[in-house]
Protein backbone atom coordinates (compact mmCIF):
# COMPACT_ATOMS: atom_id res chain seq x y z
CA MET A 1 -5.65 18.65 -27.65
CA SER A 2 -7.81 16.15 -25.77
CA ALA A 3 -8.86 16.18 -22.15
CA THR A 4 -5.85 13.96 -21.46
CA GLU A 5 -3.55 16.53 -23.03
CA ILE A 6 -5.18 19.37 -21.06
CA LYS A 7 -4.52 17.44 -17.84
CA ALA A 8 -0.92 16.76 -18.88
CA LEU A 9 -0.34 20.46 -19.56
CA ALA A 10 -1.88 21.33 -16.19
CA ARG A 11 0.68 19.04 -14.57
CA GLU A 12 3.50 20.68 -16.54
CA LEU A 13 2.33 24.07 -15.29
CA GLY A 14 2.61 22.87 -11.70
CA PHE A 15 -0.95 21.96 -10.80
CA ASP A 16 -1.23 18.91 -8.58
CA ASP A 17 -4.53 17.67 -9.98
CA CYS A 18 -6.86 18.45 -12.87
CA ARG A 19 -10.29 16.99 -13.43
CA ILE A 20 -13.37 17.90 -15.45
CA ALA A 21 -17.05 18.42 -14.62
CA LYS A 22 -20.05 19.08 -16.82
CA ALA A 23 -21.45 22.61 -16.75
CA LYS A 24 -24.83 22.73 -15.01
CA GLU A 25 -26.52 24.41 -12.09
CA ALA A 26 -24.35 23.96 -9.00
CA THR A 27 -25.36 21.10 -6.72
CA HIS A 28 -25.76 23.36 -3.69
CA ALA A 29 -27.34 26.31 -5.49
CA ASP A 30 -30.45 26.23 -3.33
CA ALA A 31 -28.40 25.93 -0.12
CA PHE A 32 -26.30 28.91 -1.25
CA ARG A 33 -29.39 31.02 -1.88
CA GLN A 34 -30.75 30.14 1.57
CA TRP A 35 -27.37 30.96 3.15
CA ILE A 36 -27.51 34.41 1.57
CA ASP A 37 -31.15 34.91 2.60
CA ASP A 38 -30.16 34.08 6.19
CA GLY A 39 -27.47 36.77 6.14
CA ALA A 40 -24.76 34.23 7.04
CA HIS A 41 -22.38 35.87 4.53
CA GLY A 42 -22.04 38.93 6.76
CA ASP A 43 -20.94 42.08 4.94
CA MET A 44 -19.64 40.26 1.85
CA ALA A 45 -22.18 42.02 -0.34
CA TRP A 46 -20.66 40.83 -3.60
CA LEU A 47 -21.98 37.34 -2.86
CA GLU A 48 -25.53 38.70 -3.10
CA ARG A 49 -25.09 40.07 -6.62
CA THR A 50 -26.47 38.12 -9.58
CA PRO A 51 -26.93 34.82 -7.73
CA GLU A 52 -28.10 33.17 -10.96
CA ARG A 53 -24.59 33.70 -12.39
CA ARG A 54 -22.91 32.33 -9.29
CA CYS A 55 -25.11 29.25 -9.30
CA ASP A 56 -24.75 28.30 -12.97
CA PRO A 57 -21.55 28.74 -15.06
CA ARG A 58 -23.65 28.79 -18.23
CA GLU A 59 -24.92 32.19 -17.08
CA VAL A 60 -21.31 33.42 -16.79
CA LEU A 61 -20.05 32.02 -20.09
CA PRO A 62 -22.68 31.55 -22.83
CA GLY A 63 -22.22 28.15 -24.40
CA CYS A 64 -20.26 26.79 -21.42
CA ARG A 65 -20.22 23.00 -21.58
CA SER A 66 -17.46 21.96 -19.21
CA VAL A 67 -15.63 23.10 -16.09
CA VAL A 68 -11.95 22.25 -15.84
CA THR A 69 -11.13 22.14 -12.10
CA LEU A 70 -7.60 22.36 -10.75
CA ALA A 71 -5.78 21.92 -7.44
CA LEU A 72 -2.46 23.47 -6.41
CA ASN A 73 -0.71 22.43 -3.20
CA TYR A 74 0.37 25.36 -1.03
CA TYR A 75 1.28 23.59 2.22
CA PRO A 76 4.30 25.47 3.70
CA GLY A 77 4.85 23.34 6.79
CA SER A 78 4.58 24.05 10.51
CA ASN A 79 4.03 27.49 12.02
CA PRO A 80 7.21 29.51 12.64
CA ASN A 81 7.85 30.26 16.30
CA THR A 82 6.33 33.73 16.60
CA GLY A 83 3.90 35.34 19.00
CA TRP A 84 1.09 35.20 16.45
CA ARG A 85 -0.29 33.07 13.63
CA ILE A 86 -1.53 33.84 10.15
CA ALA A 87 -3.33 31.47 7.79
CA ARG A 88 -0.80 29.43 5.85
CA TYR A 89 -2.00 30.58 2.45
CA ALA A 90 -0.82 34.10 3.36
CA TRP A 91 2.73 33.27 4.46
CA ASN A 92 4.25 34.78 1.33
CA GLU A 93 3.02 35.94 -2.09
CA ASP A 94 -0.60 36.32 -3.12
CA TYR A 95 -1.77 33.10 -4.73
CA HIS A 96 -4.11 34.96 -7.09
CA ASP A 97 -1.13 36.25 -9.06
CA LEU A 98 0.82 33.00 -9.17
CA VAL A 99 -2.13 30.75 -10.03
CA GLY A 100 -3.55 33.32 -12.45
CA LYS A 101 -0.41 33.15 -14.60
CA LYS A 102 -0.71 29.39 -14.85
CA LEU A 103 -4.40 29.63 -15.77
CA LYS A 104 -3.58 32.13 -18.51
CA GLN A 105 -1.19 29.66 -20.11
CA LEU A 106 -3.71 26.83 -19.92
CA ASN A 107 -6.37 29.10 -21.38
CA GLU A 108 -4.14 29.96 -24.35
CA ALA A 109 -3.70 26.29 -25.13
CA MET A 110 -7.45 25.71 -24.96
CA VAL A 111 -8.14 28.71 -27.22
CA ALA A 112 -6.02 26.96 -29.82
CA LEU A 113 -8.51 24.09 -29.62
CA GLY A 114 -11.33 26.43 -30.51
CA GLY A 115 -12.57 26.90 -26.96
CA THR A 116 -13.68 30.07 -25.25
CA GLN A 117 -12.84 30.21 -21.56
CA ARG A 118 -13.32 32.22 -18.42
CA TYR A 119 -10.84 31.34 -15.70
CA TYR A 120 -10.80 32.10 -12.00
CA VAL A 121 -8.90 31.43 -8.82
CA ASP A 122 -11.24 32.29 -5.96
CA THR A 123 -12.34 35.46 -7.76
CA GLY A 124 -15.22 34.63 -10.07
CA PRO A 125 -18.94 34.03 -9.65
CA VAL A 126 -18.62 30.24 -9.44
CA LEU A 127 -19.54 27.80 -6.67
CA GLU A 128 -16.21 26.16 -7.36
CA ARG A 129 -16.27 23.48 -4.68
CA ASP A 130 -19.44 21.98 -6.14
CA PHE A 131 -17.79 21.49 -9.52
CA ALA A 132 -14.56 20.24 -7.95
CA THR A 133 -16.61 17.65 -6.07
CA ASP A 134 -18.54 16.71 -9.22
CA ALA A 135 -15.23 16.14 -11.00
CA GLY A 136 -13.74 14.00 -8.25
CA LEU A 137 -11.27 16.69 -7.19
CA GLY A 138 -11.81 15.77 -3.58
CA TRP A 139 -15.04 16.45 -1.70
CA ASN A 140 -16.53 19.20 0.40
CA GLY A 141 -15.82 18.64 4.08
CA LYS A 142 -18.13 19.41 6.98
CA SER A 143 -16.22 22.67 7.49
CA THR A 144 -17.05 23.55 3.84
CA VAL A 145 -13.30 23.31 3.08
CA GLN A 146 -12.52 21.10 0.09
CA ILE A 147 -10.57 17.94 0.97
CA HIS A 148 -8.29 16.03 -1.42
CA ARG A 149 -7.23 12.46 -0.77
CA HIS A 150 -3.55 13.24 -1.53
CA LEU A 151 -3.29 16.93 -0.54
CA GLY A 152 -5.54 17.03 2.50
CA THR A 153 -6.92 20.53 2.98
CA TRP A 154 -3.85 22.51 1.88
CA PHE A 155 -4.57 23.42 -1.72
CA PHE A 156 -5.99 26.19 -3.86
CA LEU A 157 -8.90 25.59 -6.20
CA ALA A 158 -9.03 27.13 -9.66
CA GLU A 159 -11.23 26.54 -12.68
CA LEU A 160 -11.70 27.28 -16.34
CA LEU A 161 -15.22 27.50 -17.67
CA THR A 162 -15.04 26.41 -21.29
CA THR A 163 -17.23 25.99 -24.35
CA LEU A 164 -15.31 22.80 -25.17
CA ASP A 165 -17.32 19.62 -24.66
CA LEU A 166 -14.93 17.53 -22.59
CA PRO A 167 -15.60 14.12 -21.01
CA ALA A 168 -16.49 14.46 -17.34
CA ASP A 169 -14.59 12.62 -14.62
CA PRO A 170 -16.47 10.61 -11.98
CA PRO A 171 -16.90 11.99 -8.44
CA PHE A 172 -14.77 10.52 -5.65
CA GLY A 173 -17.51 10.65 -3.02
CA ASP A 174 -17.65 12.04 0.51
CA HIS A 175 -15.09 10.46 2.82
CA CYS A 176 -15.60 12.41 6.05
CA GLY A 177 -17.66 9.63 7.58
CA LYS A 178 -18.64 10.32 11.19
CA CYS A 179 -15.66 12.61 11.83
CA THR A 180 -16.53 16.00 13.36
CA ARG A 181 -13.05 17.24 14.27
CA CYS A 182 -13.40 20.46 12.26
CA ILE A 183 -16.74 21.30 13.89
CA ASP A 184 -15.43 20.53 17.37
CA ALA A 185 -12.22 22.54 16.87
CA CYS A 186 -13.74 25.80 15.62
CA PRO A 187 -12.90 28.42 18.28
CA THR A 188 -16.04 30.50 17.66
CA ASP A 189 -18.54 27.73 16.78
CA ALA A 190 -18.79 29.17 13.27
CA ILE A 191 -19.58 25.76 11.73
CA THR A 192 -23.20 25.79 12.81
CA GLN A 193 -23.96 22.41 11.21
CA PRO A 194 -22.15 20.12 8.78
CA HIS A 195 -21.41 21.95 5.51
CA ARG A 196 -22.59 25.32 6.80
CA VAL A 197 -20.44 28.17 8.15
CA ASP A 198 -21.82 31.40 9.57
CA ALA A 199 -19.24 33.90 8.31
CA ARG A 200 -20.25 36.36 11.01
CA ARG A 201 -18.69 34.03 13.60
CA CYS A 202 -15.69 32.89 11.55
CA ILE A 203 -12.23 34.17 12.55
CA SER A 204 -11.15 34.36 8.91
CA TYR A 205 -14.08 36.64 8.17
CA LEU A 206 -13.67 38.68 11.35
CA THR A 207 -9.96 39.37 10.78
CA ILE A 208 -10.02 39.77 6.98
CA GLU A 209 -13.36 40.59 5.36
CA ASN A 210 -14.83 42.46 8.32
CA LYS A 211 -13.98 46.15 7.95
CA GLY A 212 -15.33 47.32 11.28
CA PRO A 213 -14.76 46.47 14.93
CA ILE A 214 -14.34 42.84 15.89
CA PRO A 215 -17.27 41.99 18.19
CA GLU A 216 -16.05 41.69 21.78
CA GLU A 217 -17.73 38.30 22.17
CA PHE A 218 -15.21 36.81 19.72
CA ARG A 219 -12.01 38.64 20.65
CA GLU A 220 -10.79 36.21 23.29
CA ALA A 221 -11.47 33.22 21.02
CA ILE A 222 -9.28 34.78 18.29
CA GLY A 223 -6.30 34.10 20.54
CA ASP A 224 -3.03 34.70 18.68
CA ARG A 225 -4.54 34.65 15.18
CA LEU A 226 -3.43 37.81 13.41
CA TYR A 227 -4.87 37.08 9.97
CA GLY A 228 -7.24 34.26 9.15
CA CYS A 229 -7.58 30.89 10.84
CA ASP A 230 -6.44 27.38 9.92
CA GLU A 231 -8.05 25.54 12.83
CA CYS A 232 -10.60 23.52 10.85
CA LEU A 233 -7.95 22.70 8.24
CA GLU A 234 -5.27 21.66 10.74
CA VAL A 235 -7.37 19.07 12.54
CA CYS A 236 -8.51 17.23 9.40
CA PRO A 237 -7.19 13.63 9.51
CA TRP A 238 -6.75 13.62 5.73
CA ASN A 239 -3.77 15.94 6.21
CA ARG A 240 -1.69 12.91 7.10
CA PHE A 241 -1.12 12.65 3.34
CA ALA A 242 -0.13 16.32 2.92
CA LYS A 243 3.32 17.13 1.55
CA LEU A 244 5.26 20.37 1.44
CA SER A 245 4.53 22.54 -1.59
CA SER A 246 7.32 22.66 -4.16
CA GLU A 247 6.47 26.33 -4.82
CA ALA A 248 8.91 28.49 -2.83
CA LYS A 249 6.64 31.55 -3.13
CA PHE A 250 4.20 29.87 -0.72
CA HIS A 251 6.78 29.29 2.03
CA ALA A 252 7.25 31.61 5.02
CA ARG A 253 8.64 35.06 4.19
CA GLU A 254 11.33 36.04 6.68
CA SER A 255 10.51 39.76 6.70
CA ILE A 256 6.94 39.00 7.81
CA PHE A 257 7.75 36.46 10.49
CA ASN A 258 10.51 38.58 12.02
CA LEU A 259 7.86 41.03 13.25
CA LYS A 260 6.83 40.98 16.88
CA THR A 261 3.16 41.62 17.50
CA ARG A 262 3.72 45.03 19.08
CA ASP A 263 5.98 46.03 16.16
CA ILE A 264 2.89 46.01 13.96
CA LEU A 265 1.37 48.84 15.97
CA ASP A 266 4.26 51.12 14.97
CA LEU A 267 4.34 50.29 11.26
CA THR A 268 4.12 53.24 8.89
CA PRO A 269 2.20 52.92 5.62
CA GLU A 270 5.58 52.73 3.89
CA ASP A 271 6.76 49.92 6.19
CA PHE A 272 3.51 48.06 5.60
CA SER A 273 3.79 48.33 1.81
CA ARG A 274 7.40 47.16 1.86
CA ILE A 275 7.07 44.23 4.27
CA PHE A 276 3.81 42.93 2.83
CA ALA A 277 4.56 43.60 -0.85
CA LYS A 278 2.71 41.04 -3.03
CA SER A 279 1.19 39.51 0.12
CA PRO A 280 -2.56 38.86 0.41
CA ILE A 281 -2.34 40.53 3.82
CA LYS A 282 -1.76 43.86 2.07
CA ARG A 283 -5.35 43.98 0.87
CA ILE A 284 -6.82 44.48 4.37
CA LYS A 285 -4.71 47.65 4.71
CA LEU A 286 -2.70 48.75 7.73
CA PRO A 287 -5.47 49.95 10.11
CA ARG A 288 -7.20 46.56 10.08
CA LEU A 289 -3.90 44.74 10.58
CA ILE A 290 -3.22 46.95 13.61
CA ARG A 291 -6.77 46.24 14.82
CA ASN A 292 -6.02 42.53 14.63
CA ALA A 293 -2.63 42.95 16.34
CA CYS A 294 -4.32 44.74 19.22
CA VAL A 295 -6.66 41.79 19.71
CA VAL A 296 -3.72 39.36 19.66
CA LEU A 297 -1.89 41.49 22.24
CA GLY A 298 -5.00 41.63 24.38
CA ASN A 299 -4.97 37.83 24.44
CA THR A 300 -1.22 37.13 24.63
CA GLY A 301 0.56 40.34 25.60
CA ASN A 302 2.30 41.37 28.79
CA GLU A 303 3.39 44.50 30.62
CA ASP A 304 6.09 45.22 28.02
CA ASP A 305 3.36 45.73 25.40
CA LEU A 306 1.48 48.41 27.33
CA PRO A 307 3.49 51.42 26.07
CA ALA A 308 2.78 50.48 22.43
CA LEU A 309 -0.89 50.03 23.24
CA THR A 310 -1.02 53.34 25.08
CA LYS A 311 0.29 55.06 21.98
CA ALA A 312 -2.15 53.17 19.71
CA SER A 313 -5.08 54.02 21.99
CA GLN A 314 -4.49 57.69 21.13
CA SER A 315 -4.74 57.03 17.38
CA GLU A 316 -6.94 59.30 15.30
CA ASP A 317 -8.40 56.15 13.77
CA PRO A 318 -11.26 55.08 16.08
CA LEU A 319 -10.94 51.47 14.93
CA ILE A 320 -7.35 51.30 16.18
CA ALA A 321 -7.96 53.35 19.33
CA GLU A 322 -10.87 51.23 20.56
CA HIS A 323 -9.11 47.90 20.05
CA ALA A 324 -5.92 49.20 21.66
CA GLN A 325 -7.88 50.35 24.71
CA TRP A 326 -9.55 46.94 24.94
CA ALA A 327 -6.18 45.18 24.69
CA TYR A 328 -4.60 47.42 27.33
CA ALA A 329 -7.44 46.66 29.74
CA ALA A 330 -7.21 42.93 29.01
CA ILE A 331 -3.47 42.84 29.79
CA ALA A 332 -3.85 45.04 32.86
CA ALA A 333 -6.46 42.67 34.23
CA ARG A 334 -3.95 39.81 34.06
CA LEU A 335 -1.13 41.63 35.83
CA PRO A 336 -0.54 40.84 39.52
CA ARG A 337 -1.95 43.45 41.85
CA THR A 338 0.55 45.25 44.01
């Protein structure tokens, strides 16, 4: 099986693009180390561990010679008409499971060639966007989101590190030009300069990775975002080429989008497990989802939401109680005085 055959099999498995880079130290290894030293990764402590492995795939897989990079379109269309928004990648099933199955099949075919692989979809110690850019699988935008000329910003990256010596594809180059739409659109000014995001200011980090209280200075800017943020992706002009994903498991799940924001405050652990089964949202657990819902209500709610917030403000969980109290006060301040 040649590189051409590997790419053909990737297409058969449903990947939208497949290109190959040489294994080497990642292009932005030094910038990554500085980013960590500056503490811009927030509480994501796993990013600090064994930076030499994260910066060079040859440290992860001895004898690694090539990196097979893959793209999978997940674009599910426009936001459903609800009182809140979640990042599009989380509208249905967890992509780690779906993409992982495809990678396993591709790995098995490459094993038959005599290769040894390690494969990841957003889970391994690999600066994946550097190798995707090296291979011509788009380029890294000023928001740090990877951009593809045919898929825009709406795709998952995956990669197989392999001991096979495969011919590398040429890079496509950076095609952002003078555009700064992603930087200008960020609600919390998290893109502190082109190609650098301070996670501590990022709504995706604050609503997902952050396990504690959401700093008050960012709560109003979160608006109606319940889980994650697509703002820097949505404004990218390269999305004019984006097409709906053919994978139904990425499209909006009715049971999730039928929820009103205040309904989330009354979910039981059993409700949460049932409604968000196989969803990436499930990994933040119910208390943090309620925390986020309180912030959304504080920004968008009305008098009808106050009873639910009153109940939540009496929660034994201090994370829920504090955010519910903040939301109640925010709504009360908007009500007309009688």
